[in-house]
């Protein structure tokens, strides 16, 4: 649910910035506010969100738009790259036990749908 909300907000960002040649400071401020709200609604720690937003702002502010990207797509790319970095940067494989069963512990907030049926 939290990632769906973030995804919807990022799609809204690309619509708002469509057709612009540069990302202005006011555009970026509005975009980062929406990203911040989505992360806070997903119960991400405030300090982590603050640091995350600061990194994105440093990377995005004043950058020329890449030829193949619109400003909205560029901001979304920066946000995606930073989310991947924040979550560890690489895919982790499950080490299956040679003698079944393999025991996996799911950890998360109460109500965050940790059951295996939601995968």
N, C-alpha and C. Protein backbone atom coordinates (compact mmCIF):
# COMPACT_ATOMS: atom_id res chain seq x y z
N UNK A 1 0.82 -1.19 0.00
CA UNK A 1 0.00 0.00 0.00
C UNK A 1 0.87 1.26 0.00
N UNK A 2 1.93 1.30 0.81
CA UNK A 2 2.78 2.48 0.88
C UNK A 2 3.48 2.72 -0.44
N UNK A 3 3.95 1.65 -1.09
CA UNK A 3 4.64 1.82 -2.37
C UNK A 3 3.66 2.23 -3.46
N UNK A 4 2.38 1.81 -3.36
CA UNK A 4 1.39 2.24 -4.33
C UNK A 4 1.18 3.75 -4.23
N UNK A 5 1.11 4.26 -2.99
CA UNK A 5 0.94 5.70 -2.79
C UNK A 5 2.13 6.47 -3.32
N UNK A 6 3.33 5.97 -3.07
CA UNK A 6 4.54 6.62 -3.56
C UNK A 6 4.57 6.60 -5.09
N UNK A 7 4.19 5.47 -5.66
CA UNK A 7 4.16 5.34 -7.12
C UNK A 7 3.18 6.34 -7.74
N UNK A 8 1.99 6.47 -7.14
CA UNK A 8 1.01 7.43 -7.65
C UNK A 8 1.53 8.86 -7.57
N UNK A 9 2.21 9.19 -6.46
CA UNK A 9 2.75 10.54 -6.31
C UNK A 9 3.86 10.80 -7.33
N UNK A 10 4.70 9.80 -7.61
CA UNK A 10 5.76 9.98 -8.59
C UNK A 10 5.18 10.15 -9.99
N UNK A 11 4.10 9.45 -10.29
CA UNK A 11 3.45 9.64 -11.59
C UNK A 11 2.87 11.05 -11.70
N UNK A 12 2.33 11.56 -10.59
CA UNK A 12 1.82 12.92 -10.57
C UNK A 12 2.92 13.94 -10.81
N UNK A 13 4.11 13.64 -10.27
CA UNK A 13 5.26 14.52 -10.46
C UNK A 13 5.60 14.63 -11.95
N UNK A 14 5.63 13.51 -12.65
CA UNK A 14 6.00 13.55 -14.07
C UNK A 14 4.97 14.36 -14.86
N UNK A 15 3.70 14.26 -14.47
CA UNK A 15 2.68 15.06 -15.17
C UNK A 15 2.88 16.55 -14.92
N UNK A 16 3.20 16.93 -13.68
CA UNK A 16 3.37 18.35 -13.34
C UNK A 16 4.57 18.98 -14.04
N UNK A 17 5.62 18.19 -14.25
CA UNK A 17 6.85 18.73 -14.81
C UNK A 17 6.98 18.53 -16.31
N UNK A 18 5.96 17.96 -16.94
CA UNK A 18 6.01 17.68 -18.37
C UNK A 18 6.20 18.96 -19.18
N UNK A 19 7.15 18.91 -20.11
CA UNK A 19 7.38 20.02 -21.03
C UNK A 19 8.37 21.06 -20.55
N UNK A 20 8.91 20.90 -19.34
CA UNK A 20 9.88 21.87 -18.83
C UNK A 20 11.29 21.46 -19.22
N UNK A 21 12.13 22.46 -19.51
CA UNK A 21 13.51 22.18 -19.93
C UNK A 21 14.45 22.03 -18.74
N UNK A 22 14.10 22.65 -17.61
CA UNK A 22 14.93 22.55 -16.40
C UNK A 22 14.03 22.37 -15.19
N UNK A 23 14.62 21.78 -14.16
CA UNK A 23 13.91 21.64 -12.90
C UNK A 23 14.23 22.87 -12.07
N UNK A 24 13.22 23.71 -11.79
CA UNK A 24 13.45 24.90 -10.99
C UNK A 24 13.43 24.52 -9.51
N UNK A 25 13.93 25.42 -8.70
CA UNK A 25 13.96 25.17 -7.26
C UNK A 25 12.54 25.03 -6.70
N UNK A 26 11.60 25.83 -7.20
CA UNK A 26 10.22 25.73 -6.71
C UNK A 26 9.57 24.42 -7.15
N UNK A 27 9.85 23.98 -8.40
CA UNK A 27 9.34 22.67 -8.85
C UNK A 27 9.87 21.57 -7.96
N UNK A 28 11.17 21.62 -7.71
CA UNK A 28 11.80 20.58 -6.90
C UNK A 28 11.26 20.58 -5.48
N UNK A 29 11.04 21.76 -4.92
CA UNK A 29 10.51 21.86 -3.56
C UNK A 29 9.13 21.20 -3.46
N UNK A 30 8.28 21.45 -4.45
CA UNK A 30 6.95 20.85 -4.47
C UNK A 30 7.02 19.32 -4.63
N UNK A 31 7.90 18.86 -5.51
CA UNK A 31 8.08 17.43 -5.75
C UNK A 31 8.58 16.74 -4.48
N UNK A 32 9.59 17.33 -3.86
CA UNK A 32 10.16 16.73 -2.66
C UNK A 32 9.17 16.71 -1.51
N UNK A 33 8.30 17.70 -1.45
CA UNK A 33 7.25 17.71 -0.42
C UNK A 33 6.33 16.50 -0.60
N UNK A 34 5.97 16.21 -1.84
CA UNK A 34 5.09 15.07 -2.11
C UNK A 34 5.78 13.75 -1.78
N UNK A 35 7.06 13.64 -2.14
CA UNK A 35 7.82 12.42 -1.83
C UNK A 35 7.93 12.27 -0.32
N UNK A 36 8.23 13.37 0.37
CA UNK A 36 8.36 13.33 1.83
C UNK A 36 7.05 12.87 2.48
N UNK A 37 5.93 13.42 2.03
CA UNK A 37 4.64 13.03 2.59
C UNK A 37 4.35 11.55 2.35
N UNK A 38 4.66 11.07 1.16
CA UNK A 38 4.42 9.66 0.84
C UNK A 38 5.26 8.76 1.74
N UNK A 39 6.52 9.11 1.96
CA UNK A 39 7.39 8.30 2.81
C UNK A 39 6.94 8.35 4.27
N UNK A 40 6.53 9.53 4.75
CA UNK A 40 6.06 9.64 6.12
C UNK A 40 4.76 8.88 6.33
N UNK A 41 3.88 8.90 5.31
CA UNK A 41 2.64 8.12 5.38
C UNK A 41 2.92 6.63 5.42
N UNK A 42 4.08 6.23 4.88
CA UNK A 42 4.49 4.82 4.89
C UNK A 42 5.26 4.48 6.16
N UNK A 43 5.23 5.40 7.16
CA UNK A 43 5.87 5.18 8.46
C UNK A 43 7.39 5.09 8.39
N UNK A 44 8.00 5.76 7.43
CA UNK A 44 9.46 5.83 7.38
C UNK A 44 9.89 6.87 8.41
N UNK A 45 10.95 6.58 9.14
CA UNK A 45 11.46 7.45 10.19
C UNK A 45 11.73 8.85 9.63
N UNK A 46 11.35 9.88 10.41
CA UNK A 46 11.47 11.26 9.96
C UNK A 46 12.91 11.63 9.61
N UNK A 47 13.87 11.22 10.43
CA UNK A 47 15.28 11.56 10.18
C UNK A 47 15.76 10.93 8.87
N UNK A 48 15.35 9.70 8.60
CA UNK A 48 15.73 9.03 7.35
C UNK A 48 15.11 9.77 6.16
N UNK A 49 13.84 10.16 6.30
CA UNK A 49 13.17 10.91 5.22
C UNK A 49 13.88 12.24 4.99
N UNK A 50 14.23 12.94 6.06
CA UNK A 50 14.90 14.23 5.93
C UNK A 50 16.23 14.08 5.20
N UNK A 51 17.04 13.11 5.61
CA UNK A 51 18.33 12.87 4.95
C UNK A 51 18.13 12.47 3.49
N UNK A 52 17.15 11.61 3.23
CA UNK A 52 16.84 11.14 1.88
C UNK A 52 16.47 12.31 0.97
N UNK A 53 15.61 13.18 1.46
CA UNK A 53 15.15 14.34 0.69
C UNK A 53 16.33 15.29 0.42
N UNK A 54 17.20 15.48 1.41
CA UNK A 54 18.37 16.35 1.21
C UNK A 54 19.29 15.82 0.11
N UNK A 55 19.51 14.50 0.08
CA UNK A 55 20.36 13.90 -0.95
C UNK A 55 19.74 14.10 -2.33
N UNK A 56 18.44 13.86 -2.44
CA UNK A 56 17.75 14.03 -3.73
C UNK A 56 17.83 15.49 -4.18
N UNK A 57 17.61 16.40 -3.24
CA UNK A 57 17.65 17.82 -3.59
C UNK A 57 19.02 18.22 -4.12
N UNK A 58 20.08 17.75 -3.47
CA UNK A 58 21.43 18.05 -3.94
C UNK A 58 21.69 17.52 -5.34
N UNK A 59 21.19 16.32 -5.63
CA UNK A 59 21.43 15.71 -6.93
C UNK A 59 20.58 16.33 -8.04
N UNK A 60 19.38 16.76 -7.70
CA UNK A 60 18.44 17.21 -8.73
C UNK A 60 18.51 18.70 -9.03
N UNK A 61 18.82 19.51 -8.05
CA UNK A 61 18.75 20.96 -8.22
C UNK A 61 19.77 21.45 -9.24
N UNK A 62 19.27 22.11 -10.27
CA UNK A 62 20.15 22.71 -11.25
C UNK A 62 20.67 21.78 -12.32
N UNK A 63 20.33 20.49 -12.27
CA UNK A 63 20.81 19.57 -13.30
C UNK A 63 20.11 19.86 -14.62
N UNK A 64 20.88 19.79 -15.70
CA UNK A 64 20.26 19.87 -17.02
C UNK A 64 19.51 18.57 -17.26
N UNK A 65 18.40 18.67 -17.97
CA UNK A 65 17.62 17.48 -18.25
C UNK A 65 18.35 16.63 -19.28
N UNK A 66 18.45 15.34 -19.00
CA UNK A 66 19.08 14.43 -19.95
C UNK A 66 18.26 14.42 -21.23
N UNK A 67 18.89 14.20 -22.36
CA UNK A 67 18.21 14.26 -23.65
C UNK A 67 17.05 13.28 -23.75
N UNK A 68 17.18 12.11 -23.14
CA UNK A 68 16.14 11.10 -23.28
C UNK A 68 15.10 11.17 -22.16
N UNK A 69 15.26 12.09 -21.22
CA UNK A 69 14.34 12.15 -20.09
C UNK A 69 13.66 13.51 -20.01
N UNK A 70 12.44 13.51 -19.51
CA UNK A 70 11.77 14.75 -19.18
C UNK A 70 12.18 15.10 -17.75
N UNK A 71 11.97 16.35 -17.31
CA UNK A 71 12.34 16.70 -15.93
C UNK A 71 11.68 15.79 -14.90
N UNK A 72 10.40 15.46 -15.10
CA UNK A 72 9.71 14.57 -14.17
C UNK A 72 10.35 13.21 -14.12
N UNK A 73 10.70 12.67 -15.28
CA UNK A 73 11.35 11.37 -15.33
C UNK A 73 12.71 11.41 -14.65
N UNK A 74 13.41 12.53 -14.80
CA UNK A 74 14.72 12.64 -14.18
C UNK A 74 14.60 12.65 -12.66
N UNK A 75 13.64 13.39 -12.13
CA UNK A 75 13.43 13.41 -10.68
C UNK A 75 13.04 12.02 -10.20
N UNK A 76 12.14 11.36 -10.91
CA UNK A 76 11.73 10.01 -10.54
C UNK A 76 12.94 9.07 -10.57
N UNK A 77 13.81 9.21 -11.56
CA UNK A 77 15.02 8.38 -11.65
C UNK A 77 15.92 8.61 -10.44
N UNK A 78 16.11 9.88 -10.07
CA UNK A 78 16.94 10.19 -8.92
C UNK A 78 16.33 9.59 -7.65
N UNK A 79 15.00 9.73 -7.49
CA UNK A 79 14.33 9.16 -6.32
C UNK A 79 14.48 7.65 -6.31
N UNK A 80 14.28 7.00 -7.46
CA UNK A 80 14.41 5.54 -7.55
C UNK A 80 15.82 5.10 -7.19
N UNK A 81 16.82 5.77 -7.77
CA UNK A 81 18.22 5.41 -7.49
C UNK A 81 18.54 5.54 -6.01
N UNK A 82 18.02 6.60 -5.37
CA UNK A 82 18.28 6.80 -3.95
C UNK A 82 17.52 5.78 -3.09
N UNK A 83 16.29 5.41 -3.50
CA UNK A 83 15.55 4.37 -2.77
C UNK A 83 16.29 3.04 -2.84
N UNK A 84 16.79 2.69 -4.02
CA UNK A 84 17.56 1.45 -4.18
C UNK A 84 18.79 1.49 -3.29
N UNK A 85 19.48 2.61 -3.28
CA UNK A 85 20.67 2.76 -2.45
C UNK A 85 20.32 2.64 -0.97
N UNK A 86 19.23 3.29 -0.56
CA UNK A 86 18.79 3.26 0.83
C UNK A 86 18.43 1.85 1.29
N UNK A 87 17.85 1.07 0.39
CA UNK A 87 17.42 -0.29 0.72
C UNK A 87 18.53 -1.32 0.57
N UNK A 88 19.74 -0.90 0.28
CA UNK A 88 20.86 -1.84 0.24
C UNK A 88 21.59 -1.88 -1.08
N UNK A 89 20.98 -1.43 -2.15
CA UNK A 89 21.67 -1.31 -3.42
C UNK A 89 21.78 -2.56 -4.27
N UNK A 90 21.54 -3.71 -3.70
CA UNK A 90 21.65 -4.92 -4.50
C UNK A 90 20.59 -5.93 -4.06
N UNK A 91 20.25 -6.80 -4.96
CA UNK A 91 19.24 -7.81 -4.69
C UNK A 91 19.81 -8.87 -3.76
N UNK A 92 19.03 -9.22 -2.74
CA UNK A 92 19.45 -10.26 -1.81
C UNK A 92 18.70 -11.55 -2.14
N UNK A 93 19.41 -12.62 -2.27
CA UNK A 93 18.80 -13.92 -2.57
C UNK A 93 18.52 -14.66 -1.27
N UNK A 94 17.46 -15.43 -1.27
CA UNK A 94 17.13 -16.27 -0.12
C UNK A 94 18.01 -17.52 -0.19
N UNK A 95 18.66 -17.83 0.91
CA UNK A 95 19.48 -19.03 0.99
C UNK A 95 18.58 -20.18 1.47
N UNK A 96 18.17 -21.00 0.51
CA UNK A 96 17.28 -22.11 0.85
C UNK A 96 18.06 -23.23 1.53
N UNK A 97 17.46 -23.79 2.54
CA UNK A 97 18.08 -24.88 3.28
C UNK A 97 18.16 -26.12 2.40
N UNK A 98 19.28 -26.86 2.43
CA UNK A 98 19.37 -28.09 1.64
C UNK A 98 18.41 -29.16 2.17
N UNK A 99 18.05 -29.04 3.43
CA UNK A 99 17.10 -29.97 4.06
C UNK A 99 15.85 -29.19 4.46
N UNK A 100 14.78 -29.28 3.65
CA UNK A 100 13.56 -28.49 3.94
C UNK A 100 13.04 -28.78 5.35
N UNK A 101 12.38 -27.84 5.94
CA UNK A 101 11.90 -26.57 5.39
C UNK A 101 12.93 -25.46 5.56
N UNK A 102 12.79 -24.43 4.76
CA UNK A 102 13.57 -23.21 4.92
C UNK A 102 12.74 -22.26 5.77
N UNK A 103 13.31 -21.76 6.84
CA UNK A 103 12.59 -20.89 7.76
C UNK A 103 12.94 -19.44 7.42
N UNK A 104 11.90 -18.62 7.24
CA UNK A 104 12.07 -17.21 6.90
C UNK A 104 11.31 -16.38 7.92
N UNK A 105 11.97 -15.39 8.50
CA UNK A 105 11.31 -14.49 9.44
C UNK A 105 10.89 -13.22 8.70
N UNK A 106 9.61 -12.87 8.79
CA UNK A 106 9.11 -11.63 8.20
C UNK A 106 8.97 -10.60 9.31
N UNK A 107 9.53 -9.43 9.10
CA UNK A 107 9.52 -8.39 10.11
C UNK A 107 8.90 -7.15 9.50
N UNK A 108 8.04 -6.49 10.24
CA UNK A 108 7.43 -5.27 9.76
C UNK A 108 6.49 -4.69 10.79
N UNK A 109 5.94 -3.53 10.50
CA UNK A 109 5.01 -2.89 11.41
C UNK A 109 3.70 -3.65 11.48
N UNK A 110 3.02 -3.51 12.60
CA UNK A 110 1.71 -4.14 12.75
C UNK A 110 0.79 -3.60 11.65
N UNK A 111 0.12 -4.52 10.97
CA UNK A 111 -0.80 -4.13 9.92
C UNK A 111 -0.15 -3.95 8.56
N UNK A 112 1.13 -4.30 8.42
CA UNK A 112 1.81 -4.07 7.15
C UNK A 112 1.78 -5.29 6.23
N UNK A 113 0.87 -6.22 6.47
CA UNK A 113 0.62 -7.37 5.59
C UNK A 113 1.88 -8.20 5.35
N UNK A 114 2.36 -8.82 6.38
CA UNK A 114 3.57 -9.62 6.30
C UNK A 114 3.28 -11.06 5.92
N UNK A 115 2.02 -11.43 5.79
CA UNK A 115 1.72 -12.82 5.49
C UNK A 115 2.17 -13.21 4.08
N UNK A 116 2.50 -14.46 3.89
CA UNK A 116 3.05 -14.92 2.61
C UNK A 116 2.03 -14.83 1.48
N UNK A 117 0.76 -14.73 1.78
CA UNK A 117 -0.27 -14.64 0.72
C UNK A 117 -0.22 -13.28 0.00
N UNK A 118 0.41 -12.28 0.62
CA UNK A 118 0.44 -10.95 -0.02
C UNK A 118 1.64 -10.76 -0.93
N UNK A 119 2.48 -11.77 -1.06
CA UNK A 119 3.66 -11.67 -1.93
C UNK A 119 3.23 -11.77 -3.32
